[in-house]
């Protein structure tokens, strides 16, 4: 209802008022609490208030909602690793995604690529630590890919290896101690070949990441 320049909502024992200054000290512009008369509203008996001086207060409880912790490394090392944590938890199930992708391009500046062969793949190991406990192995997962050869007469010619993949699991481990996840590249294989001449330039782009989502 609209009363005396203020919107008033009453529901059960609770009331919400906002509008023209009101209350015991006539300084409230927004108030939520137990009561039915805006004239009796005060900062002392409010769950929430905003006054006409720009001050405010919230005395209820808030839920954090979704807890998300994400990290990523772009290290190009063949044994690169990434650590997510330690981070706090509410003890609920966590959806964890470990992702990996890599592109390696070998460029023969004046030659051509011959005798090229694979495979192109990698193995990623995942570990978990809870609180001050020992780190535990969770699983390995494999990532596969392919290679492409682009030969140009007299160069430059390119040999490119690409792979990408991810592993998702639900962690139902109980407890509210801090969690830490770690992922590391155990093996990494790329295509190899012989350049018929000239120097070879190498460019590697690689990312390894961990995302933990708790709802």
N, C-alpha and C. Protein backbone atom coordinates (compact mmCIF):
# COMPACT_ATOMS: atom_id res chain seq x y z
N UNK A 1 0.83 -1.19 0.00
CA UNK A 1 0.00 0.00 0.00
C UNK A 1 0.87 1.25 0.00
N UNK A 2 0.29 2.38 -0.42
CA UNK A 2 0.99 3.67 -0.43
C UNK A 2 0.36 4.55 0.64
N UNK A 3 1.15 4.87 1.67
CA UNK A 3 0.62 5.63 2.79
C UNK A 3 1.59 6.75 3.16
N UNK A 4 1.12 8.00 3.14
CA UNK A 4 1.93 9.12 3.61
C UNK A 4 3.25 9.30 2.89
N UNK A 5 3.27 9.02 1.61
CA UNK A 5 4.50 9.18 0.84
C UNK A 5 5.44 8.01 0.94
N UNK A 6 4.94 6.86 1.39
CA UNK A 6 5.78 5.68 1.55
C UNK A 6 5.05 4.44 1.03
N UNK A 7 5.85 3.51 0.45
CA UNK A 7 5.31 2.21 0.06
C UNK A 7 5.48 1.27 1.24
N UNK A 8 4.41 0.60 1.63
CA UNK A 8 4.46 -0.29 2.78
C UNK A 8 3.94 -1.67 2.36
N UNK A 9 4.75 -2.68 2.66
CA UNK A 9 4.36 -4.06 2.39
C UNK A 9 4.38 -4.83 3.70
N UNK A 10 3.27 -5.45 4.04
CA UNK A 10 3.17 -6.25 5.26
C UNK A 10 2.91 -7.70 4.88
N UNK A 11 3.65 -8.60 5.50
CA UNK A 11 3.49 -10.03 5.24
C UNK A 11 3.76 -10.78 6.55
N UNK A 12 2.71 -11.34 7.14
CA UNK A 12 2.88 -12.00 8.42
C UNK A 12 3.35 -11.00 9.47
N UNK A 13 4.42 -11.36 10.17
CA UNK A 13 4.94 -10.48 11.21
C UNK A 13 5.90 -9.44 10.66
N UNK A 14 6.22 -9.52 9.34
CA UNK A 14 7.26 -8.65 8.77
C UNK A 14 6.65 -7.49 7.99
N UNK A 15 7.44 -6.41 7.93
CA UNK A 15 7.03 -5.22 7.19
C UNK A 15 8.24 -4.66 6.45
N UNK A 16 7.97 -4.16 5.24
CA UNK A 16 8.98 -3.43 4.48
C UNK A 16 8.41 -2.06 4.14
N UNK A 17 9.21 -1.02 4.42
CA UNK A 17 8.78 0.35 4.17
C UNK A 17 9.88 1.07 3.41
N UNK A 18 9.52 1.85 2.38
CA UNK A 18 10.50 2.71 1.74
C UNK A 18 9.80 3.94 1.17
N UNK A 19 10.51 5.07 1.23
CA UNK A 19 9.95 6.31 0.74
C UNK A 19 10.33 7.48 1.63
N UNK A 20 9.43 8.40 1.82
CA UNK A 20 9.64 9.59 2.65
C UNK A 20 10.17 9.21 4.03
N UNK A 21 11.17 9.94 4.58
CA UNK A 21 11.77 9.58 5.88
C UNK A 21 10.72 9.29 6.95
N UNK A 22 10.98 8.23 7.72
CA UNK A 22 10.03 7.75 8.72
C UNK A 22 10.80 7.13 9.88
N UNK A 23 10.06 6.58 10.83
CA UNK A 23 10.64 5.85 11.93
C UNK A 23 10.76 6.67 13.20
N UNK A 24 11.28 6.03 14.24
CA UNK A 24 11.43 6.64 15.55
C UNK A 24 12.23 7.94 15.47
N UNK A 25 13.27 7.97 14.64
CA UNK A 25 14.12 9.15 14.51
C UNK A 25 13.85 9.92 13.22
N UNK A 26 12.85 9.49 12.45
CA UNK A 26 12.48 10.14 11.19
C UNK A 26 13.65 10.26 10.22
N UNK A 27 14.51 9.27 10.22
CA UNK A 27 15.68 9.32 9.33
C UNK A 27 15.78 8.10 8.42
N UNK A 28 14.82 7.18 8.48
CA UNK A 28 14.86 5.96 7.67
C UNK A 28 14.18 6.19 6.33
N UNK A 29 14.81 5.68 5.26
CA UNK A 29 14.20 5.74 3.93
C UNK A 29 13.85 4.35 3.42
N UNK A 30 14.48 3.32 4.00
CA UNK A 30 14.15 1.92 3.66
C UNK A 30 14.37 1.09 4.90
N UNK A 31 13.39 0.27 5.23
CA UNK A 31 13.46 -0.52 6.47
C UNK A 31 12.74 -1.85 6.26
N UNK A 32 13.34 -2.94 6.77
CA UNK A 32 12.71 -4.26 6.78
C UNK A 32 12.90 -4.85 8.16
N UNK A 33 11.83 -5.37 8.73
CA UNK A 33 11.94 -5.97 10.04
C UNK A 33 10.59 -6.47 10.54
N UNK A 34 10.55 -6.83 11.82
CA UNK A 34 9.31 -7.28 12.45
C UNK A 34 8.54 -6.07 12.94
N UNK A 35 7.29 -5.95 12.55
CA UNK A 35 6.47 -4.82 12.98
C UNK A 35 5.34 -4.56 12.00
N UNK A 36 4.51 -3.57 12.33
CA UNK A 36 3.39 -3.23 11.46
C UNK A 36 3.17 -1.73 11.32
N UNK A 37 3.89 -0.93 12.13
CA UNK A 37 3.71 0.52 12.12
C UNK A 37 5.04 1.19 11.76
N UNK A 38 5.11 1.91 10.63
CA UNK A 38 6.34 2.58 10.24
C UNK A 38 6.87 3.55 11.30
N UNK A 39 5.98 4.11 12.11
CA UNK A 39 6.41 5.06 13.13
C UNK A 39 7.28 4.40 14.19
N UNK A 40 7.16 3.07 14.35
CA UNK A 40 7.93 2.36 15.37
C UNK A 40 9.22 1.76 14.83
N UNK A 41 9.48 1.96 13.54
CA UNK A 41 10.68 1.39 12.93
C UNK A 41 11.92 2.13 13.43
N UNK A 42 12.98 1.39 13.69
CA UNK A 42 14.24 1.98 14.12
C UNK A 42 15.40 1.14 13.61
N UNK A 43 16.60 1.70 13.73
CA UNK A 43 17.78 0.95 13.32
C UNK A 43 18.02 -0.24 14.25
N UNK A 44 17.60 -0.10 15.50
CA UNK A 44 17.85 -1.15 16.48
C UNK A 44 16.99 -2.39 16.23
N UNK A 45 15.79 -2.21 15.66
CA UNK A 45 14.91 -3.37 15.48
C UNK A 45 14.79 -3.81 14.02
N UNK A 46 15.74 -3.40 13.18
CA UNK A 46 15.69 -3.70 11.75
C UNK A 46 16.54 -4.90 11.37
N UNK A 47 16.09 -5.63 10.36
CA UNK A 47 16.94 -6.61 9.68
C UNK A 47 17.76 -5.93 8.59
N UNK A 48 17.17 -4.83 8.03
CA UNK A 48 17.81 -4.09 6.96
C UNK A 48 17.32 -2.65 7.01
N UNK A 49 18.26 -1.69 6.86
CA UNK A 49 17.83 -0.29 6.80
C UNK A 49 18.79 0.56 5.97
N UNK A 50 18.24 1.64 5.40
CA UNK A 50 19.00 2.68 4.74
C UNK A 50 18.45 4.01 5.23
N UNK A 51 19.35 4.91 5.68
CA UNK A 51 18.85 6.18 6.19
C UNK A 51 19.06 7.31 5.18
N UNK A 52 18.64 8.52 5.57
CA UNK A 52 18.72 9.65 4.66
C UNK A 52 20.08 10.34 4.67
N UNK A 53 21.07 9.68 5.29
CA UNK A 53 22.44 10.17 5.26
C UNK A 53 23.34 9.27 4.41
N UNK A 54 22.71 8.30 3.76
CA UNK A 54 23.48 7.40 2.91
C UNK A 54 24.08 6.21 3.63
N UNK A 55 23.72 5.99 4.88
CA UNK A 55 24.21 4.85 5.64
C UNK A 55 23.26 3.67 5.47
N UNK A 56 23.77 2.48 5.70
CA UNK A 56 22.94 1.30 5.55
C UNK A 56 23.43 0.15 6.40
N UNK A 57 22.57 -0.86 6.56
CA UNK A 57 22.90 -2.03 7.40
C UNK A 57 22.07 -3.22 6.93
N UNK A 58 22.73 -4.41 6.92
CA UNK A 58 22.02 -5.65 6.63
C UNK A 58 22.37 -6.64 7.72
N UNK A 59 21.37 -7.14 8.43
CA UNK A 59 21.61 -8.05 9.54
C UNK A 59 21.17 -9.47 9.28
N UNK A 60 20.79 -9.79 8.05
CA UNK A 60 20.38 -11.15 7.73
C UNK A 60 21.57 -12.00 7.33
N UNK A 61 21.33 -13.06 6.57
CA UNK A 61 22.40 -13.93 6.10
C UNK A 61 22.36 -14.01 4.59
N UNK A 62 23.55 -14.14 4.00
CA UNK A 62 23.68 -14.24 2.55
C UNK A 62 24.27 -15.59 2.18
N UNK A 63 23.83 -16.14 1.08
CA UNK A 63 24.39 -17.38 0.54
C UNK A 63 25.34 -17.04 -0.59
N UNK A 64 26.50 -17.71 -0.58
CA UNK A 64 27.51 -17.40 -1.59
C UNK A 64 27.12 -17.94 -2.96
N UNK A 65 26.18 -18.88 -3.00
CA UNK A 65 25.78 -19.45 -4.27
C UNK A 65 26.85 -20.38 -4.81
N UNK A 66 27.16 -20.25 -6.08
CA UNK A 66 28.13 -21.11 -6.73
C UNK A 66 29.54 -20.69 -6.34
N UNK A 67 30.36 -21.66 -5.92
CA UNK A 67 31.77 -21.41 -5.62
C UNK A 67 32.59 -21.92 -6.80
N UNK A 68 33.34 -21.02 -7.43
CA UNK A 68 34.13 -21.39 -8.60
C UNK A 68 35.58 -20.99 -8.40
N UNK A 69 36.48 -21.94 -8.62
CA UNK A 69 37.91 -21.69 -8.55
C UNK A 69 38.53 -22.20 -9.84
N UNK A 70 39.22 -21.32 -10.55
CA UNK A 70 39.76 -21.68 -11.86
C UNK A 70 41.18 -21.14 -12.01
N UNK A 71 42.06 -21.97 -12.57
CA UNK A 71 43.44 -21.56 -12.84
C UNK A 71 43.87 -22.13 -14.18
N UNK A 72 44.88 -21.51 -14.78
CA UNK A 72 45.37 -21.97 -16.08
C UNK A 72 46.84 -21.58 -16.22
N UNK A 73 47.62 -22.44 -16.82
CA UNK A 73 49.01 -22.12 -17.12
C UNK A 73 49.25 -22.21 -18.62
N UNK A 74 50.13 -21.35 -19.13
CA UNK A 74 50.51 -21.40 -20.54
C UNK A 74 51.97 -21.82 -20.69
N UNK A 75 52.50 -22.46 -19.65
CA UNK A 75 53.87 -22.99 -19.75
C UNK A 75 53.95 -23.96 -20.92
N UNK A 76 55.04 -23.90 -21.66
CA UNK A 76 55.21 -24.79 -22.82
C UNK A 76 56.04 -26.02 -22.49
N UNK A 77 56.39 -26.21 -21.24
CA UNK A 77 57.20 -27.36 -20.85
C UNK A 77 56.46 -28.67 -21.09
N UNK A 78 57.22 -29.70 -21.43
CA UNK A 78 56.62 -31.00 -21.65
C UNK A 78 56.12 -31.66 -20.39
N UNK A 79 56.51 -31.15 -19.22
CA UNK A 79 56.02 -31.66 -17.94
C UNK A 79 55.35 -30.56 -17.13
N UNK A 80 54.72 -29.61 -17.81
CA UNK A 80 54.05 -28.49 -17.14
C UNK A 80 52.99 -29.01 -16.18
N UNK A 81 52.78 -28.25 -15.09
CA UNK A 81 51.73 -28.61 -14.13
C UNK A 81 51.01 -27.35 -13.69
N UNK A 82 49.81 -27.55 -13.13
CA UNK A 82 49.00 -26.44 -12.63
C UNK A 82 48.38 -26.88 -11.31
N UNK A 83 48.34 -25.95 -10.33
CA UNK A 83 47.77 -26.22 -9.01
C UNK A 83 46.61 -25.27 -8.77
N UNK A 84 45.46 -25.83 -8.43
CA UNK A 84 44.27 -25.04 -8.11
C UNK A 84 44.00 -25.19 -6.62
N UNK A 85 44.29 -24.15 -5.84
CA UNK A 85 44.09 -24.20 -4.42
C UNK A 85 45.37 -23.90 -3.66
N UNK A 86 45.30 -24.03 -2.32
CA UNK A 86 44.13 -24.48 -1.56
C UNK A 86 43.01 -23.44 -1.54
N UNK A 87 41.75 -23.93 -1.63
CA UNK A 87 40.60 -23.05 -1.59
C UNK A 87 39.56 -23.62 -0.62
N UNK A 88 38.73 -22.72 -0.08
CA UNK A 88 37.71 -23.12 0.89
C UNK A 88 36.53 -23.78 0.21
N UNK A 89 35.81 -24.60 0.96
CA UNK A 89 34.66 -25.33 0.42
C UNK A 89 33.57 -25.40 1.46
N UNK A 90 32.34 -25.58 0.99
CA UNK A 90 31.19 -25.75 1.88
C UNK A 90 30.87 -27.22 2.11
N UNK A 91 31.70 -28.11 1.53
CA UNK A 91 31.50 -29.53 1.73
C UNK A 91 30.55 -30.18 0.76
N UNK A 92 30.15 -29.43 -0.28
CA UNK A 92 29.23 -30.00 -1.27
C UNK A 92 30.03 -30.65 -2.41
N UNK A 93 29.31 -31.36 -3.28
CA UNK A 93 29.95 -31.99 -4.43
C UNK A 93 30.54 -30.93 -5.35
N UNK A 94 31.68 -31.25 -5.95
CA UNK A 94 32.36 -30.33 -6.85
C UNK A 94 32.47 -30.95 -8.24
N UNK A 95 32.13 -30.17 -9.25
CA UNK A 95 32.35 -30.59 -10.63
C UNK A 95 33.70 -30.03 -11.06
N UNK A 96 34.61 -30.93 -11.39
CA UNK A 96 35.99 -30.52 -11.71
C UNK A 96 36.29 -30.84 -13.16
N UNK A 97 36.82 -29.85 -13.88
CA UNK A 97 37.19 -30.02 -15.27
C UNK A 97 38.68 -29.71 -15.42
N UNK A 98 39.41 -30.67 -15.96
CA UNK A 98 40.83 -30.46 -16.30
C UNK A 98 40.94 -30.46 -17.81
N UNK A 99 41.47 -29.39 -18.38
CA UNK A 99 41.54 -29.26 -19.84
C UNK A 99 42.98 -29.06 -20.29
N UNK A 100 43.23 -29.52 -21.51
CA UNK A 100 44.58 -29.41 -22.07
C UNK A 100 44.49 -29.20 -23.57
N UNK A 101 45.29 -28.28 -24.10
CA UNK A 101 45.42 -28.16 -25.55
C UNK A 101 46.82 -27.68 -25.89
N UNK A 102 47.30 -28.11 -27.03
CA UNK A 102 48.67 -27.82 -27.45
C UNK A 102 48.76 -27.77 -28.96
N UNK A 103 49.49 -26.80 -29.47
CA UNK A 103 49.82 -26.71 -30.88
C UNK A 103 51.31 -26.45 -31.01
N UNK A 104 51.99 -27.28 -31.76
CA UNK A 104 53.43 -27.12 -32.01
C UNK A 104 53.66 -27.01 -33.51
N UNK A 105 54.30 -25.93 -33.93
CA UNK A 105 54.56 -25.72 -35.34
C UNK A 105 56.06 -25.63 -35.57
N UNK A 106 56.57 -26.56 -36.38
CA UNK A 106 57.98 -26.55 -36.79
C UNK A 106 58.04 -25.99 -38.21
N UNK A 107 58.81 -24.94 -38.40
CA UNK A 107 58.91 -24.30 -39.70
C UNK A 107 60.31 -24.46 -40.28
N UNK A 108 60.38 -25.17 -41.41
CA UNK A 108 61.65 -25.29 -42.16
C UNK A 108 61.72 -24.08 -43.10
N UNK A 109 62.63 -23.18 -42.81
CA UNK A 109 62.63 -21.89 -43.51
C UNK A 109 62.92 -22.00 -45.00
N UNK A 110 63.77 -22.95 -45.40
CA UNK A 110 64.10 -23.06 -46.84
C UNK A 110 63.94 -24.47 -47.37
N UNK A 111 63.47 -25.39 -46.56
CA UNK A 111 63.39 -26.78 -46.99
C UNK A 111 61.98 -27.33 -46.98
N UNK A 112 61.90 -28.67 -47.11
CA UNK A 112 60.64 -29.38 -47.09
C UNK A 112 60.72 -30.47 -46.02
N UNK A 113 59.53 -30.89 -45.53
CA UNK A 113 59.48 -31.93 -44.52
C UNK A 113 59.33 -33.30 -45.17
N UNK A 114 60.17 -34.25 -44.72
CA UNK A 114 60.09 -35.62 -45.23
C UNK A 114 60.10 -36.58 -44.04
N UNK A 115 59.61 -37.79 -44.29
CA UNK A 115 59.62 -38.83 -43.26
C UNK A 115 58.85 -38.46 -42.01
N UNK A 116 57.75 -37.76 -42.17
CA UNK A 116 56.97 -37.32 -41.01
C UNK A 116 56.16 -38.50 -40.43
N UNK A 117 56.14 -38.60 -39.09
CA UNK A 117 55.35 -39.64 -38.45
C UNK A 117 54.89 -39.16 -37.07
N UNK A 118 53.86 -39.82 -36.53
CA UNK A 118 53.30 -39.49 -35.21
C UNK A 118 53.72 -40.52 -34.20
N UNK A 119 53.00 -40.69 -33.09
CA UNK A 119 51.66 -40.14 -32.82
C UNK A 119 51.70 -38.73 -32.21
N UNK A 120 50.50 -38.15 -32.10
CA UNK A 120 50.33 -36.88 -31.40
C UNK A 120 49.38 -37.15 -30.24
N UNK A 121 49.90 -37.16 -29.01
CA UNK A 121 49.06 -37.44 -27.85
C UNK A 121 49.76 -36.99 -26.56
N UNK A 122 49.00 -37.03 -25.48
CA UNK A 122 49.54 -36.66 -24.17
C UNK A 122 48.75 -37.39 -23.09
N UNK A 123 49.38 -37.57 -21.95
CA UNK A 123 48.73 -38.13 -20.77
C UNK A 123 48.82 -37.12 -19.64
N UNK A 124 47.66 -36.83 -19.02
CA UNK A 124 47.58 -35.86 -17.94
C UNK A 124 47.19 -36.59 -16.66
N UNK A 125 47.92 -36.36 -15.58
CA UNK A 125 47.60 -36.96 -14.28
C UNK A 125 46.94 -35.91 -13.39
N UNK A 126 45.93 -36.35 -12.62
CA UNK A 126 45.19 -35.45 -11.73
C UNK A 126 45.32 -35.94 -10.29
N UNK A 127 45.57 -34.99 -9.38
CA UNK A 127 45.74 -35.30 -7.96
C UNK A 127 44.84 -34.39 -7.11
N UNK A 128 44.54 -34.83 -5.89
CA UNK A 128 43.74 -34.05 -4.96
C UNK A 128 44.39 -34.10 -3.58
N UNK A 129 44.31 -32.96 -2.87
CA UNK A 129 44.76 -32.90 -1.48
C UNK A 129 43.69 -32.22 -0.66
N UNK A 130 43.36 -32.79 0.51
CA UNK A 130 42.36 -32.21 1.40
C UNK A 130 43.03 -31.81 2.70
N UNK A 131 42.94 -30.53 3.04
CA UNK A 131 43.55 -30.04 4.26
C UNK A 131 45.04 -30.32 4.30
N UNK A 132 45.51 -30.82 5.44
CA UNK A 132 46.93 -31.14 5.60
C UNK A 132 47.23 -32.60 5.27
N UNK A 133 46.24 -33.29 4.68
CA UNK A 133 46.42 -34.68 4.34
C UNK A 133 47.37 -34.89 3.17
N UNK A 134 47.69 -36.13 2.91
CA UNK A 134 48.58 -36.47 1.81
C UNK A 134 47.87 -36.30 0.47
N UNK A 135 48.63 -35.95 -0.55
CA UNK A 135 48.07 -35.83 -1.89
C UNK A 135 47.68 -37.22 -2.40
N UNK A 136 46.52 -37.29 -3.05
CA UNK A 136 46.01 -38.56 -3.56
C UNK A 136 45.87 -38.50 -5.08
N UNK A 137 46.27 -39.57 -5.73
CA UNK A 137 46.10 -39.68 -7.18
C UNK A 137 44.63 -39.95 -7.49
N UNK A 138 44.08 -39.21 -8.46
CA UNK A 138 42.68 -39.41 -8.87
C UNK A 138 42.61 -40.25 -10.13
N UNK A 139 43.23 -39.77 -11.22
CA UNK A 139 43.16 -40.51 -12.48
C UNK A 139 44.14 -39.93 -13.49
N UNK A 140 44.39 -40.70 -14.53
CA UNK A 140 45.07 -40.21 -15.73
C UNK A 140 44.03 -40.08 -16.84
N UNK A 141 44.21 -39.12 -17.72
CA UNK A 141 43.39 -39.12 -18.93
C UNK A 141 44.26 -38.80 -20.13
N UNK A 142 43.86 -39.34 -21.26
CA UNK A 142 44.63 -39.22 -22.49
C UNK A 142 44.02 -38.20 -23.44
N UNK A 143 44.88 -37.46 -24.09
CA UNK A 143 44.47 -36.48 -25.10
C UNK A 143 45.14 -36.88 -26.41
N UNK A 144 44.36 -36.92 -27.48
CA UNK A 144 44.90 -37.30 -28.78
C UNK A 144 44.73 -36.16 -29.78
N UNK A 145 45.51 -36.22 -30.84
CA UNK A 145 45.44 -35.19 -31.87
C UNK A 145 45.95 -35.70 -33.20
N UNK A 146 46.43 -34.80 -34.02
CA UNK A 146 46.90 -35.16 -35.36
C UNK A 146 47.96 -34.17 -35.80
N UNK A 147 48.58 -34.45 -36.95
CA UNK A 147 49.55 -33.52 -37.49
C UNK A 147 49.21 -33.18 -38.93
N UNK A 148 49.76 -32.07 -39.38
CA UNK A 148 49.53 -31.60 -40.74
C UNK A 148 50.85 -31.10 -41.31
N UNK A 149 51.10 -31.45 -42.56
CA UNK A 149 52.32 -31.02 -43.24
C UNK A 149 51.95 -30.09 -44.38
N UNK A 150 52.59 -28.94 -44.41
CA UNK A 150 52.39 -28.00 -45.50
C UNK A 150 53.75 -27.69 -46.11
N UNK A 151 54.05 -28.37 -47.21
CA UNK A 151 55.34 -28.19 -47.88
C UNK A 151 55.23 -27.18 -49.01
N UNK A 152 56.20 -26.29 -49.06
CA UNK A 152 56.30 -25.30 -50.12
C UNK A 152 57.64 -25.46 -50.82
N UNK A 153 57.64 -25.40 -52.12
CA UNK A 153 58.88 -25.52 -52.88
C UNK A 153 59.84 -24.40 -52.46
N UNK A 154 60.97 -24.79 -51.93
CA UNK A 154 61.95 -23.80 -51.49
C UNK A 154 61.66 -23.24 -50.11
N UNK A 155 60.54 -23.65 -49.50
CA UNK A 155 60.19 -23.21 -48.16
C UNK A 155 59.57 -21.82 -48.15
N UNK A 156 59.10 -21.38 -46.99
CA UNK A 156 59.08 -22.15 -45.74
C UNK A 156 58.01 -23.24 -45.74
N UNK A 157 58.29 -24.34 -45.06
CA UNK A 157 57.36 -25.47 -44.94
C UNK A 157 57.07 -25.72 -43.47
N UNK A 158 55.84 -26.16 -43.20
CA UNK A 158 55.43 -26.30 -41.80
C UNK A 158 54.98 -27.72 -41.48
N UNK A 159 55.35 -28.16 -40.28
CA UNK A 159 54.86 -29.40 -39.69
C UNK A 159 54.16 -29.00 -38.40
N UNK A 160 52.85 -29.20 -38.34
CA UNK A 160 52.07 -28.74 -37.20
C UNK A 160 51.39 -29.92 -36.51
N UNK A 161 51.60 -30.02 -35.19
CA UNK A 161 50.95 -31.03 -34.35
C UNK A 161 49.92 -30.32 -33.47
N UNK A 162 48.70 -30.87 -33.40
CA UNK A 162 47.65 -30.27 -32.59
C UNK A 162 46.93 -31.35 -31.79
N UNK A 163 46.60 -31.01 -30.54
CA UNK A 163 45.76 -31.90 -29.73
C UNK A 163 45.04 -31.08 -28.67
N UNK A 164 43.87 -31.57 -28.29
CA UNK A 164 43.07 -30.89 -27.26
C UNK A 164 42.09 -31.89 -26.67
N UNK A 165 41.82 -31.73 -25.38
CA UNK A 165 40.87 -32.60 -24.72
C UNK A 165 40.67 -32.19 -23.27
N UNK A 166 39.72 -32.81 -22.61
CA UNK A 166 39.44 -32.49 -21.21
C UNK A 166 38.87 -33.70 -20.50
N UNK A 167 38.91 -33.64 -19.19
CA UNK A 167 38.34 -34.70 -18.35
C UNK A 167 37.50 -34.03 -17.27
N UNK A 168 36.26 -34.50 -17.10
CA UNK A 168 35.35 -33.95 -16.10
C UNK A 168 34.97 -35.04 -15.11
N UNK A 169 35.01 -34.71 -13.84
CA UNK A 169 34.57 -35.67 -12.83
C UNK A 169 33.89 -34.94 -11.69
N UNK A 170 33.04 -35.66 -10.95
CA UNK A 170 32.37 -35.12 -9.78
C UNK A 170 33.07 -35.63 -8.53
N UNK A 171 33.52 -34.70 -7.71
CA UNK A 171 34.24 -35.06 -6.49
C UNK A 171 33.27 -34.96 -5.30
N UNK A 172 32.90 -36.11 -4.76
CA UNK A 172 31.99 -36.16 -3.62
C UNK A 172 32.72 -36.32 -2.30
N UNK A 173 34.02 -36.07 -2.30
CA UNK A 173 34.79 -36.19 -1.06
C UNK A 173 34.22 -35.26 0.00
N UNK A 174 33.85 -35.77 1.18
CA UNK A 174 33.22 -34.92 2.21
C UNK A 174 34.24 -34.04 2.92
N UNK A 175 33.72 -33.11 3.71
CA UNK A 175 34.58 -32.28 4.54
C UNK A 175 34.61 -30.84 4.09
N UNK A 176 34.92 -29.94 5.04
CA UNK A 176 35.00 -28.51 4.75
C UNK A 176 36.42 -27.98 4.87
N UNK A 177 37.39 -28.88 4.93
CA UNK A 177 38.78 -28.44 4.90
C UNK A 177 39.11 -27.92 3.49
N UNK A 178 40.19 -27.19 3.38
CA UNK A 178 40.57 -26.65 2.09
C UNK A 178 40.98 -27.75 1.12
N UNK A 179 40.59 -27.57 -0.15
CA UNK A 179 40.90 -28.53 -1.20
C UNK A 179 41.98 -27.96 -2.12
N UNK A 180 42.79 -28.86 -2.67
CA UNK A 180 43.78 -28.50 -3.69
C UNK A 180 43.76 -29.56 -4.77
N UNK A 181 43.66 -29.12 -6.03
CA UNK A 181 43.77 -30.04 -7.16
C UNK A 181 45.04 -29.71 -7.94
N UNK A 182 45.69 -30.74 -8.44
CA UNK A 182 46.91 -30.55 -9.24
C UNK A 182 46.82 -31.42 -10.49
N UNK A 183 47.23 -30.86 -11.63
CA UNK A 183 47.30 -31.62 -12.88
C UNK A 183 48.69 -31.43 -13.48
N UNK A 184 49.22 -32.49 -14.03
CA UNK A 184 50.57 -32.45 -14.60
C UNK A 184 50.63 -33.26 -15.88
N UNK A 185 51.39 -32.79 -16.85
CA UNK A 185 51.60 -33.54 -18.10
C UNK A 185 52.61 -34.65 -17.81
N UNK A 186 52.18 -35.88 -17.95
CA UNK A 186 53.05 -37.03 -17.70
C UNK A 186 53.84 -37.38 -18.95
N UNK A 187 53.16 -37.42 -20.09
CA UNK A 187 53.83 -37.68 -21.37
C UNK A 187 53.28 -36.74 -22.42
N UNK A 188 54.10 -36.38 -23.39
CA UNK A 188 53.64 -35.55 -24.51
C UNK A 188 54.41 -35.97 -25.75
N UNK A 189 53.69 -36.37 -26.78
CA UNK A 189 54.31 -36.80 -28.03
C UNK A 189 53.80 -35.95 -29.18
N UNK A 190 54.70 -35.54 -30.05
CA UNK A 190 54.33 -34.76 -31.23
C UNK A 190 54.96 -35.40 -32.46
N UNK A 191 54.47 -35.00 -33.63
CA UNK A 191 54.99 -35.54 -34.89
C UNK A 191 56.43 -35.08 -35.10
N UNK A 192 57.20 -35.96 -35.73
CA UNK A 192 58.59 -35.63 -36.04
C UNK A 192 58.84 -35.87 -37.52
N UNK A 193 59.84 -35.19 -38.04
CA UNK A 193 60.20 -35.34 -39.45
C UNK A 193 61.58 -34.77 -39.69
N UNK A 194 61.99 -34.82 -40.94
CA UNK A 194 63.32 -34.32 -41.33
C UNK A 194 63.15 -33.17 -42.30
N UNK A 195 63.78 -32.05 -41.97
CA UNK A 195 63.75 -30.90 -42.88
C UNK A 195 64.86 -31.06 -43.91
N UNK A 196 64.52 -30.89 -45.18
CA UNK A 196 65.49 -31.13 -46.25
C UNK A 196 66.59 -30.08 -46.31
N UNK A 197 66.38 -28.95 -45.65
CA UNK A 197 67.43 -27.94 -45.66
C UNK A 197 67.04 -26.73 -44.85
N UNK A 198 68.02 -25.91 -44.53
CA UNK A 198 67.76 -24.66 -43.83
C UNK A 198 67.56 -24.85 -42.34
N UNK A 199 67.33 -23.74 -41.66
CA UNK A 199 67.09 -23.78 -40.21
C UNK A 199 65.62 -24.06 -39.93
N UNK A 200 65.35 -24.54 -38.72
CA UNK A 200 64.00 -24.87 -38.31
C UNK A 200 63.61 -24.00 -37.11
N UNK A 201 62.47 -23.31 -37.23
CA UNK A 201 61.93 -22.54 -36.12
C UNK A 201 60.81 -23.30 -35.45
N UNK A 202 60.71 -23.18 -34.14
CA UNK A 202 59.71 -23.92 -33.37
C UNK A 202 58.86 -22.95 -32.56
N UNK A 203 57.53 -23.10 -32.67
CA UNK A 203 56.59 -22.30 -31.87
C UNK A 203 55.62 -23.27 -31.20
N UNK A 204 55.52 -23.15 -29.86
CA UNK A 204 54.60 -24.00 -29.10
C UNK A 204 53.60 -23.11 -28.36
N UNK A 205 52.32 -23.45 -28.49
CA UNK A 205 51.26 -22.81 -27.69
C UNK A 205 50.56 -23.92 -26.90
N UNK A 206 50.52 -23.75 -25.58
CA UNK A 206 50.00 -24.83 -24.74
C UNK A 206 49.28 -24.24 -23.53
N UNK A 207 48.14 -24.82 -23.18
CA UNK A 207 47.42 -24.43 -21.97
C UNK A 207 46.97 -25.67 -21.21
N UNK A 208 47.08 -25.60 -19.89
CA UNK A 208 46.62 -26.65 -18.99
C UNK A 208 45.85 -25.95 -17.89
N UNK A 209 44.60 -26.35 -17.68
CA UNK A 209 43.78 -25.64 -16.71
C UNK A 209 42.92 -26.55 -15.85
N UNK A 210 42.50 -26.02 -14.69
CA UNK A 210 41.62 -26.74 -13.77
C UNK A 210 40.52 -25.78 -13.34
N UNK A 211 39.26 -26.23 -13.44
CA UNK A 211 38.12 -25.46 -12.95
C UNK A 211 37.35 -26.35 -11.98
N UNK A 212 37.10 -25.82 -10.79
CA UNK A 212 36.27 -26.52 -9.79
C UNK A 212 35.04 -25.68 -9.52
N UNK A 213 33.84 -26.27 -9.64
CA UNK A 213 32.60 -25.57 -9.41
C UNK A 213 31.79 -26.32 -8.36
N UNK A 214 31.45 -25.63 -7.27
CA UNK A 214 30.66 -26.20 -6.19
C UNK A 214 29.34 -25.44 -6.08
N UNK A 215 28.23 -26.17 -6.13
CA UNK A 215 26.91 -25.51 -6.11
C UNK A 215 26.11 -25.91 -4.89
